[in-house]
Amino acid sequence: MIKKRAQEEIVGFALIVTIVVIILLFFLIIYIRKSQKETVESYEVESFINTVLSYTTECADRYEPNYLTIKKLITSCDKKAVCTDNRPSCEVLEETLKGIIEESWRVNENTAIKGYELNITLSDENVIPNIKRGNVSNSYKEAGNSNLGNNIGIFLRVYY
């Protein structure tokens, strides 16, 4: 009698543990799906722009240790300047920006980001062709900075 009662308690305990594990797995699946659907926040786009402007490029102006930031490279590109390695500053600007934005804003079906568009203007004219990737949608966050002096404007729209 005592052995049979102990076996019943063990079966009951195993059943309770199984139910708890199933409930925990259910909540874990909901949590994982919810975290994949996060959207982009405006402050992330704005912070990205401010950070990019301070990024030091591989383009040196006149003297080898004097490497230009993206902000200075934009004005250098407008003047059709050439880097010390004889590459046009506009080419370096475009290559650098494409590399940064592709690494920072990963576009694919498994991420919240579905596309982006970067536009840089100087005196209301495009400095380089717009950098675009992915799909355009009605859901997006954008930020821009046109208070950089020298009539420079940089605008980023991220689609999700």
N, C-alpha and C. Protein backbone atom coordinates (compact mmCIF):
# COMPACT_ATOMS: atom_id res chain seq x y z
N MET A 1 0.80 -1.19 0.00
CA MET A 1 0.00 0.00 0.00
C MET A 1 0.86 1.27 0.00
N ILE A 2 1.91 1.25 0.83
CA ILE A 2 2.76 2.44 0.93
C ILE A 2 3.51 2.67 -0.39
N LYS A 3 3.99 1.59 -1.03
CA LYS A 3 4.70 1.73 -2.30
C LYS A 3 3.79 2.28 -3.38
N LYS A 4 2.54 1.85 -3.41
CA LYS A 4 1.61 2.30 -4.43
C LYS A 4 1.30 3.78 -4.25
N ARG A 5 1.18 4.23 -3.02
CA ARG A 5 0.90 5.64 -2.75
C ARG A 5 2.09 6.52 -3.17
N ALA A 6 3.31 6.06 -2.92
CA ALA A 6 4.51 6.80 -3.30
C ALA A 6 4.61 6.90 -4.82
N GLN A 7 4.26 5.85 -5.53
CA GLN A 7 4.29 5.89 -6.99
C GLN A 7 3.27 6.89 -7.53
N GLU A 8 2.11 6.97 -6.91
CA GLU A 8 1.08 7.92 -7.33
C GLU A 8 1.55 9.36 -7.12
N GLU A 9 2.25 9.59 -6.02
CA GLU A 9 2.77 10.94 -5.75
C GLU A 9 3.85 11.33 -6.76
N ILE A 10 4.69 10.37 -7.12
CA ILE A 10 5.74 10.64 -8.10
C ILE A 10 5.13 10.96 -9.46
N VAL A 11 4.11 10.21 -9.86
CA VAL A 11 3.43 10.46 -11.12
C VAL A 11 2.77 11.84 -11.10
N GLY A 12 2.15 12.18 -10.00
CA GLY A 12 1.52 13.51 -9.85
C GLY A 12 2.54 14.62 -9.93
N PHE A 13 3.68 14.44 -9.27
CA PHE A 13 4.74 15.44 -9.31
C PHE A 13 5.28 15.60 -10.73
N ALA A 14 5.50 14.51 -11.44
CA ALA A 14 5.99 14.56 -12.82
C ALA A 14 4.98 15.27 -13.72
N LEU A 15 3.70 15.04 -13.50
CA LEU A 15 2.66 15.70 -14.28
C LEU A 15 2.68 17.22 -14.04
N ILE A 16 2.83 17.63 -12.80
CA ILE A 16 2.89 19.07 -12.47
C ILE A 16 4.13 19.70 -13.11
N VAL A 17 5.27 19.04 -13.02
CA VAL A 17 6.50 19.57 -13.62
C VAL A 17 6.32 19.70 -15.14
N THR A 18 5.72 18.73 -15.78
CA THR A 18 5.49 18.78 -17.22
C THR A 18 4.60 19.96 -17.60
N ILE A 19 3.54 20.19 -16.86
CA ILE A 19 2.63 21.30 -17.12
C ILE A 19 3.36 22.63 -16.97
N VAL A 20 4.15 22.78 -15.93
CA VAL A 20 4.91 24.02 -15.70
C VAL A 20 5.90 24.27 -16.83
N VAL A 21 6.59 23.23 -17.29
CA VAL A 21 7.55 23.38 -18.39
C VAL A 21 6.83 23.81 -19.67
N ILE A 22 5.68 23.24 -19.96
CA ILE A 22 4.91 23.62 -21.15
C ILE A 22 4.49 25.08 -21.07
N ILE A 23 4.03 25.52 -19.91
CA ILE A 23 3.63 26.92 -19.74
C ILE A 23 4.83 27.85 -19.93
N LEU A 24 5.97 27.51 -19.37
CA LEU A 24 7.18 28.33 -19.53
C LEU A 24 7.62 28.40 -20.99
N LEU A 25 7.55 27.29 -21.71
CA LEU A 25 7.89 27.29 -23.14
C LEU A 25 6.94 28.18 -23.92
N PHE A 26 5.68 28.16 -23.58
CA PHE A 26 4.68 29.00 -24.25
C PHE A 26 5.03 30.48 -24.08
N PHE A 27 5.35 30.90 -22.84
CA PHE A 27 5.72 32.29 -22.59
C PHE A 27 7.04 32.66 -23.27
N LEU A 28 7.97 31.73 -23.32
CA LEU A 28 9.24 31.98 -23.99
C LEU A 28 9.04 32.21 -25.48
N ILE A 29 8.20 31.44 -26.12
CA ILE A 29 7.91 31.61 -27.55
C ILE A 29 7.27 32.97 -27.80
N ILE A 30 6.33 33.36 -26.96
CA ILE A 30 5.68 34.67 -27.11
C ILE A 30 6.72 35.79 -26.96
N TYR A 31 7.60 35.68 -25.98
CA TYR A 31 8.63 36.70 -25.75
C TYR A 31 9.57 36.82 -26.94
N ILE A 32 9.99 35.70 -27.51
CA ILE A 32 10.92 35.73 -28.64
C ILE A 32 10.27 36.36 -29.86
N ARG A 33 9.03 36.02 -30.14
CA ARG A 33 8.33 36.61 -31.29
C ARG A 33 8.11 38.10 -31.10
N LYS A 34 7.81 38.51 -29.89
CA LYS A 34 7.57 39.92 -29.61
C LYS A 34 8.85 40.73 -29.80
N SER A 35 9.99 40.21 -29.36
CA SER A 35 11.25 40.96 -29.46
C SER A 35 11.70 41.11 -30.91
N GLN A 36 11.30 40.23 -31.81
CA GLN A 36 11.69 40.34 -33.21
C GLN A 36 10.91 41.44 -33.91
N LYS A 37 9.79 41.86 -33.40
CA LYS A 37 8.94 42.84 -34.06
C LYS A 37 9.19 44.27 -33.57
N GLU A 38 10.30 44.49 -32.87
CA GLU A 38 10.60 45.83 -32.38
C GLU A 38 10.76 46.81 -33.54
N THR A 39 10.38 48.04 -33.31
CA THR A 39 10.53 49.07 -34.32
C THR A 39 11.77 49.91 -34.03
N VAL A 40 12.11 50.70 -34.99
CA VAL A 40 13.23 51.62 -34.85
C VAL A 40 12.73 52.86 -34.13
N GLU A 41 13.52 53.39 -33.25
CA GLU A 41 13.16 54.60 -32.52
C GLU A 41 13.83 55.82 -33.15
N SER A 42 13.18 56.95 -33.05
CA SER A 42 13.70 58.18 -33.65
C SER A 42 15.07 58.57 -33.10
N TYR A 43 15.25 58.37 -31.81
CA TYR A 43 16.53 58.76 -31.21
C TYR A 43 17.68 57.92 -31.77
N GLU A 44 17.41 56.67 -32.20
CA GLU A 44 18.46 55.84 -32.78
C GLU A 44 18.91 56.41 -34.12
N VAL A 45 17.97 56.87 -34.91
CA VAL A 45 18.29 57.44 -36.22
C VAL A 45 19.06 58.75 -36.03
N GLU A 46 18.60 59.57 -35.11
CA GLU A 46 19.27 60.86 -34.86
C GLU A 46 20.68 60.65 -34.31
N SER A 47 20.84 59.71 -33.40
CA SER A 47 22.17 59.42 -32.86
C SER A 47 23.11 58.89 -33.93
N PHE A 48 22.56 58.09 -34.83
CA PHE A 48 23.37 57.56 -35.93
C PHE A 48 23.94 58.70 -36.77
N ILE A 49 23.10 59.65 -37.12
CA ILE A 49 23.54 60.78 -37.95
C ILE A 49 24.64 61.56 -37.24
N ASN A 50 24.44 61.87 -35.97
CA ASN A 50 25.45 62.63 -35.23
C ASN A 50 26.77 61.88 -35.12
N THR A 51 26.69 60.58 -34.96
CA THR A 51 27.90 59.78 -34.85
C THR A 51 28.63 59.70 -36.19
N VAL A 52 27.88 59.52 -37.26
CA VAL A 52 28.48 59.42 -38.59
C VAL A 52 29.24 60.69 -38.93
N LEU A 53 28.70 61.84 -38.60
CA LEU A 53 29.36 63.10 -38.93
C LEU A 53 30.73 63.24 -38.27
N SER A 54 30.92 62.56 -37.13
CA SER A 54 32.18 62.63 -36.41
C SER A 54 33.16 61.53 -36.81
N TYR A 55 32.72 60.61 -37.65
CA TYR A 55 33.56 59.48 -38.05
C TYR A 55 34.75 59.98 -38.88
N THR A 56 35.93 59.49 -38.55
CA THR A 56 37.15 59.86 -39.27
C THR A 56 37.36 58.91 -40.44
N THR A 57 37.53 59.47 -41.61
CA THR A 57 37.66 58.67 -42.83
C THR A 57 39.12 58.38 -43.15
N GLU A 58 39.33 57.68 -44.26
CA GLU A 58 40.68 57.37 -44.71
C GLU A 58 41.25 58.45 -45.62
N CYS A 59 40.51 59.52 -45.80
CA CYS A 59 40.94 60.61 -46.68
C CYS A 59 41.72 61.64 -45.88
N ALA A 60 42.95 61.85 -46.27
CA ALA A 60 43.79 62.85 -45.61
C ALA A 60 43.88 64.08 -46.49
N ASP A 61 43.87 65.22 -45.86
CA ASP A 61 43.94 66.49 -46.57
C ASP A 61 45.32 67.10 -46.37
N ARG A 62 46.05 67.21 -47.43
CA ARG A 62 47.39 67.82 -47.47
C ARG A 62 48.44 67.05 -46.68
N TYR A 63 48.21 66.84 -45.39
CA TYR A 63 49.20 66.19 -44.54
C TYR A 63 48.65 64.84 -44.10
N GLU A 64 49.47 63.83 -44.08
CA GLU A 64 49.04 62.46 -43.78
C GLU A 64 48.29 62.33 -42.45
N PRO A 65 48.73 62.95 -41.35
CA PRO A 65 47.99 62.74 -40.10
C PRO A 65 46.67 63.51 -40.01
N ASN A 66 46.39 64.36 -40.98
CA ASN A 66 45.19 65.19 -40.93
C ASN A 66 44.03 64.51 -41.66
N TYR A 67 43.50 63.45 -41.07
CA TYR A 67 42.39 62.72 -41.70
C TYR A 67 41.09 63.48 -41.47
N LEU A 68 40.24 63.47 -42.48
CA LEU A 68 39.00 64.25 -42.44
C LEU A 68 37.85 63.45 -41.84
N THR A 69 36.98 64.16 -41.13
CA THR A 69 35.74 63.56 -40.67
C THR A 69 34.74 63.59 -41.83
N ILE A 70 33.65 62.87 -41.67
CA ILE A 70 32.61 62.86 -42.71
C ILE A 70 32.12 64.28 -42.97
N LYS A 71 31.92 65.05 -41.90
CA LYS A 71 31.43 66.42 -42.06
C LYS A 71 32.39 67.25 -42.92
N LYS A 72 33.69 67.17 -42.65
CA LYS A 72 34.67 67.92 -43.44
C LYS A 72 34.81 67.34 -44.84
N LEU A 73 34.61 66.04 -44.97
CA LEU A 73 34.72 65.41 -46.27
C LEU A 73 33.58 65.84 -47.20
N ILE A 74 32.43 66.16 -46.64
CA ILE A 74 31.31 66.64 -47.45
C ILE A 74 31.67 67.96 -48.12
N THR A 75 32.24 68.89 -47.36
CA THR A 75 32.64 70.17 -47.96
C THR A 75 33.82 69.98 -48.91
N SER A 76 34.71 69.06 -48.59
CA SER A 76 35.83 68.76 -49.47
C SER A 76 35.34 68.18 -50.79
N CYS A 77 34.32 67.37 -50.71
CA CYS A 77 33.72 66.77 -51.92
C CYS A 77 33.11 67.86 -52.80
N ASP A 78 32.47 68.85 -52.17
CA ASP A 78 31.87 69.95 -52.94
C ASP A 78 32.93 70.75 -53.69
N LYS A 79 34.13 70.82 -53.13
CA LYS A 79 35.23 71.55 -53.77
C LYS A 79 35.99 70.68 -54.76
N LYS A 80 35.51 69.44 -54.95
CA LYS A 80 36.15 68.47 -55.87
C LYS A 80 37.60 68.21 -55.48
N ALA A 81 37.85 68.19 -54.18
CA ALA A 81 39.21 67.95 -53.69
C ALA A 81 39.59 66.48 -53.86
N VAL A 82 40.89 66.24 -53.77
CA VAL A 82 41.43 64.89 -53.90
C VAL A 82 42.18 64.55 -52.61
N CYS A 83 42.05 63.31 -52.16
CA CYS A 83 42.75 62.87 -50.96
C CYS A 83 44.23 62.66 -51.30
N THR A 84 45.04 62.49 -50.28
CA THR A 84 46.48 62.32 -50.51
C THR A 84 46.79 61.03 -51.26
N ASP A 85 45.88 60.06 -51.27
CA ASP A 85 46.09 58.82 -52.03
C ASP A 85 45.53 58.93 -53.45
N ASN A 86 45.23 60.16 -53.89
CA ASN A 86 44.76 60.50 -55.24
C ASN A 86 43.36 60.00 -55.56
N ARG A 87 42.59 59.62 -54.56
CA ARG A 87 41.19 59.27 -54.79
C ARG A 87 40.34 60.51 -54.61
N PRO A 88 39.32 60.70 -55.43
CA PRO A 88 38.43 61.85 -55.25
C PRO A 88 37.71 61.76 -53.90
N SER A 89 37.58 62.90 -53.23
CA SER A 89 36.96 62.91 -51.91
C SER A 89 35.51 62.45 -51.97
N CYS A 90 34.81 62.70 -53.06
CA CYS A 90 33.42 62.25 -53.20
C CYS A 90 33.34 60.73 -53.23
N GLU A 91 34.31 60.11 -53.89
CA GLU A 91 34.35 58.64 -53.96
C GLU A 91 34.58 58.05 -52.57
N VAL A 92 35.51 58.63 -51.82
CA VAL A 92 35.80 58.17 -50.46
C VAL A 92 34.57 58.37 -49.56
N LEU A 93 33.91 59.50 -49.71
CA LEU A 93 32.71 59.79 -48.93
C LEU A 93 31.63 58.75 -49.18
N GLU A 94 31.36 58.48 -50.44
CA GLU A 94 30.30 57.52 -50.78
C GLU A 94 30.64 56.11 -50.29
N GLU A 95 31.87 55.66 -50.52
CA GLU A 95 32.29 54.33 -50.06
C GLU A 95 32.21 54.20 -48.55
N THR A 96 32.68 55.22 -47.84
CA THR A 96 32.67 55.18 -46.38
C THR A 96 31.25 55.14 -45.85
N LEU A 97 30.38 55.99 -46.38
CA LEU A 97 29.00 56.02 -45.91
C LEU A 97 28.27 54.71 -46.20
N LYS A 98 28.49 54.15 -47.38
CA LYS A 98 27.86 52.86 -47.70
C LYS A 98 28.30 51.78 -46.72
N GLY A 99 29.58 51.75 -46.42
CA GLY A 99 30.09 50.76 -45.47
C GLY A 99 29.51 50.92 -44.09
N ILE A 100 29.45 52.15 -43.62
CA ILE A 100 28.93 52.41 -42.27
C ILE A 100 27.45 52.06 -42.19
N ILE A 101 26.68 52.49 -43.16
CA ILE A 101 25.23 52.30 -43.08
C ILE A 101 24.86 50.82 -43.27
N GLU A 102 25.60 50.10 -44.12
CA GLU A 102 25.31 48.68 -44.30
C GLU A 102 25.61 47.88 -43.05
N GLU A 103 26.65 48.27 -42.32
CA GLU A 103 26.99 47.57 -41.07
C GLU A 103 26.06 47.96 -39.92
N SER A 104 25.56 49.18 -39.95
CA SER A 104 24.74 49.68 -38.83
C SER A 104 23.28 49.31 -38.97
N TRP A 105 22.74 49.35 -40.16
CA TRP A 105 21.31 49.09 -40.40
C TRP A 105 21.17 47.86 -41.29
N ARG A 106 21.21 46.70 -40.68
CA ARG A 106 21.09 45.43 -41.40
C ARG A 106 19.67 45.28 -41.95
N VAL A 107 19.56 45.07 -43.25
CA VAL A 107 18.27 44.95 -43.90
C VAL A 107 18.07 43.50 -44.34
N ASN A 108 17.07 42.84 -43.74
CA ASN A 108 16.63 41.53 -44.21
C ASN A 108 15.29 41.20 -43.57
N GLU A 109 14.74 40.06 -43.92
CA GLU A 109 13.40 39.71 -43.46
C GLU A 109 13.37 39.36 -41.98
N ASN A 110 14.50 39.01 -41.39
CA ASN A 110 14.54 38.60 -39.99
C ASN A 110 14.76 39.75 -39.02
N THR A 111 14.94 40.96 -39.53
CA THR A 111 15.15 42.11 -38.66
C THR A 111 13.98 43.08 -38.79
N ALA A 112 13.92 44.01 -37.87
CA ALA A 112 12.85 45.00 -37.90
C ALA A 112 13.05 46.00 -39.03
N ILE A 113 14.27 46.16 -39.50
CA ILE A 113 14.57 47.15 -40.53
C ILE A 113 14.36 46.54 -41.91
N LYS A 114 13.51 47.19 -42.69
CA LYS A 114 13.18 46.70 -44.02
C LYS A 114 13.84 47.52 -45.13
N GLY A 115 14.38 48.69 -44.79
CA GLY A 115 15.06 49.51 -45.79
C GLY A 115 15.53 50.82 -45.19
N TYR A 116 16.33 51.57 -45.97
CA TYR A 116 16.79 52.88 -45.53
C TYR A 116 17.10 53.74 -46.74
N GLU A 117 17.20 55.03 -46.48
CA GLU A 117 17.56 56.00 -47.52
C GLU A 117 18.34 57.13 -46.86
N LEU A 118 19.55 57.38 -47.35
CA LEU A 118 20.42 58.43 -46.83
C LEU A 118 20.63 59.47 -47.91
N ASN A 119 20.43 60.73 -47.53
CA ASN A 119 20.54 61.84 -48.48
C ASN A 119 21.44 62.90 -47.87
N ILE A 120 22.46 63.32 -48.61
CA ILE A 120 23.36 64.37 -48.15
C ILE A 120 23.32 65.51 -49.16
N THR A 121 23.03 66.71 -48.66
CA THR A 121 22.95 67.87 -49.53
C THR A 121 23.92 68.95 -49.06
N LEU A 122 24.31 69.75 -50.01
CA LEU A 122 25.14 70.92 -49.74
C LEU A 122 24.58 72.03 -50.61
N SER A 123 24.07 73.08 -49.99
CA SER A 123 23.40 74.17 -50.70
C SER A 123 22.24 73.62 -51.55
N ASP A 124 21.46 72.74 -50.95
CA ASP A 124 20.27 72.13 -51.56
C ASP A 124 20.55 71.28 -52.80
N GLU A 125 21.78 70.85 -52.99
CA GLU A 125 22.11 69.94 -54.07
C GLU A 125 22.74 68.69 -53.48
N ASN A 126 22.44 67.53 -54.07
CA ASN A 126 23.01 66.28 -53.58
C ASN A 126 24.52 66.28 -53.77
N VAL A 127 25.21 65.94 -52.71
CA VAL A 127 26.67 65.84 -52.77
C VAL A 127 27.06 64.54 -53.45
N ILE A 128 26.41 63.45 -53.05
CA ILE A 128 26.59 62.13 -53.64
C ILE A 128 25.20 61.59 -53.94
N PRO A 129 25.10 60.57 -54.78
CA PRO A 129 23.78 59.97 -55.02
C PRO A 129 23.20 59.41 -53.71
N ASN A 130 21.88 59.45 -53.58
CA ASN A 130 21.24 58.91 -52.39
C ASN A 130 21.64 57.45 -52.21
N ILE A 131 21.87 57.08 -50.98
CA ILE A 131 22.21 55.70 -50.66
C ILE A 131 20.93 55.03 -50.18
N LYS A 132 20.45 54.04 -50.96
CA LYS A 132 19.19 53.37 -50.66
C LYS A 132 19.40 51.87 -50.63
N ARG A 133 18.57 51.22 -49.80
CA ARG A 133 18.57 49.76 -49.80
C ARG A 133 17.27 49.28 -49.17
N GLY A 134 16.77 48.17 -49.66
CA GLY A 134 15.59 47.56 -49.08
C GLY A 134 14.29 48.10 -49.64
N ASN A 135 13.22 47.84 -48.90
CA ASN A 135 11.87 48.20 -49.33
C ASN A 135 11.39 49.48 -48.66
N VAL A 136 10.68 50.28 -49.43
CA VAL A 136 10.06 51.51 -48.93
C VAL A 136 8.68 51.14 -48.40
N SER A 137 8.32 51.67 -47.23
CA SER A 137 7.00 51.41 -46.66
C SER A 137 6.47 52.69 -46.02
N ASN A 138 5.25 52.62 -45.54
CA ASN A 138 4.66 53.77 -44.87
C ASN A 138 5.12 53.89 -43.42
N SER A 139 5.76 52.86 -42.91
CA SER A 139 6.25 52.87 -41.53
C SER A 139 7.74 53.20 -41.54
N TYR A 140 8.08 54.36 -41.03
CA TYR A 140 9.49 54.75 -41.02
C TYR A 140 9.74 55.74 -39.89
N LYS A 141 11.02 55.88 -39.57
CA LYS A 141 11.52 56.90 -38.66
C LYS A 141 12.57 57.65 -39.44
N GLU A 142 12.60 58.96 -39.25
CA GLU A 142 13.60 59.74 -39.95
C GLU A 142 14.18 60.80 -39.04
N ALA A 143 15.35 61.22 -39.41
CA ALA A 143 16.01 62.30 -38.69
C ALA A 143 16.89 63.03 -39.69
N GLY A 144 17.12 64.26 -39.42
CA GLY A 144 17.96 65.06 -40.29
C GLY A 144 18.67 66.12 -39.50
N ASN A 145 19.73 66.61 -40.07
CA ASN A 145 20.49 67.66 -39.42
C ASN A 145 20.93 68.64 -40.51
N SER A 146 20.34 69.82 -40.47
CA SER A 146 20.71 70.83 -41.47
C SER A 146 21.39 72.02 -40.82
N ASN A 147 21.70 71.92 -39.54
CA ASN A 147 22.36 73.02 -38.82
C ASN A 147 23.85 72.73 -38.67
N LEU A 148 24.47 72.28 -39.73
CA LEU A 148 25.87 71.90 -39.66
C LEU A 148 26.80 72.99 -40.17
N GLY A 149 26.26 74.09 -40.60
CA GLY A 149 27.07 75.14 -41.20
C GLY A 149 27.34 74.81 -42.65
N ASN A 150 27.76 75.78 -43.40
CA ASN A 150 28.08 75.61 -44.82
C ASN A 150 26.93 75.00 -45.62
N ASN A 151 25.71 75.17 -45.15
CA ASN A 151 24.51 74.67 -45.85
C ASN A 151 24.52 73.16 -46.06
N ILE A 152 25.14 72.42 -45.15
CA ILE A 152 25.18 70.96 -45.22
C ILE A 152 23.91 70.40 -44.60
N GLY A 153 23.31 69.43 -45.26
CA GLY A 153 22.16 68.72 -44.72
C GLY A 153 22.35 67.23 -44.88
N ILE A 154 22.06 66.49 -43.84
CA ILE A 154 22.14 65.02 -43.90
C ILE A 154 20.83 64.48 -43.34
N PHE A 155 20.18 63.60 -44.10
CA PHE A 155 18.86 63.10 -43.74
C PHE A 155 18.83 61.59 -43.93
N LEU A 156 18.30 60.90 -42.93
CA LEU A 156 18.20 59.45 -42.97
C LEU A 156 16.79 59.03 -42.66
N ARG A 157 16.25 58.15 -43.48
CA ARG A 157 14.92 57.58 -43.25
C ARG A 157 15.10 56.06 -43.19
N VAL A 158 14.65 55.47 -42.08
CA VAL A 158 14.76 54.02 -41.89
C VAL A 158 13.35 53.44 -41.90
N TYR A 159 13.11 52.47 -42.80
CA TYR A 159 11.80 51.83 -42.94
C TYR A 159 11.76 50.55 -42.13
N TYR A 160 10.61 50.32 -41.47
CA TYR A 160 10.45 49.09 -40.69
C TYR A 160 9.11 48.45 -40.96
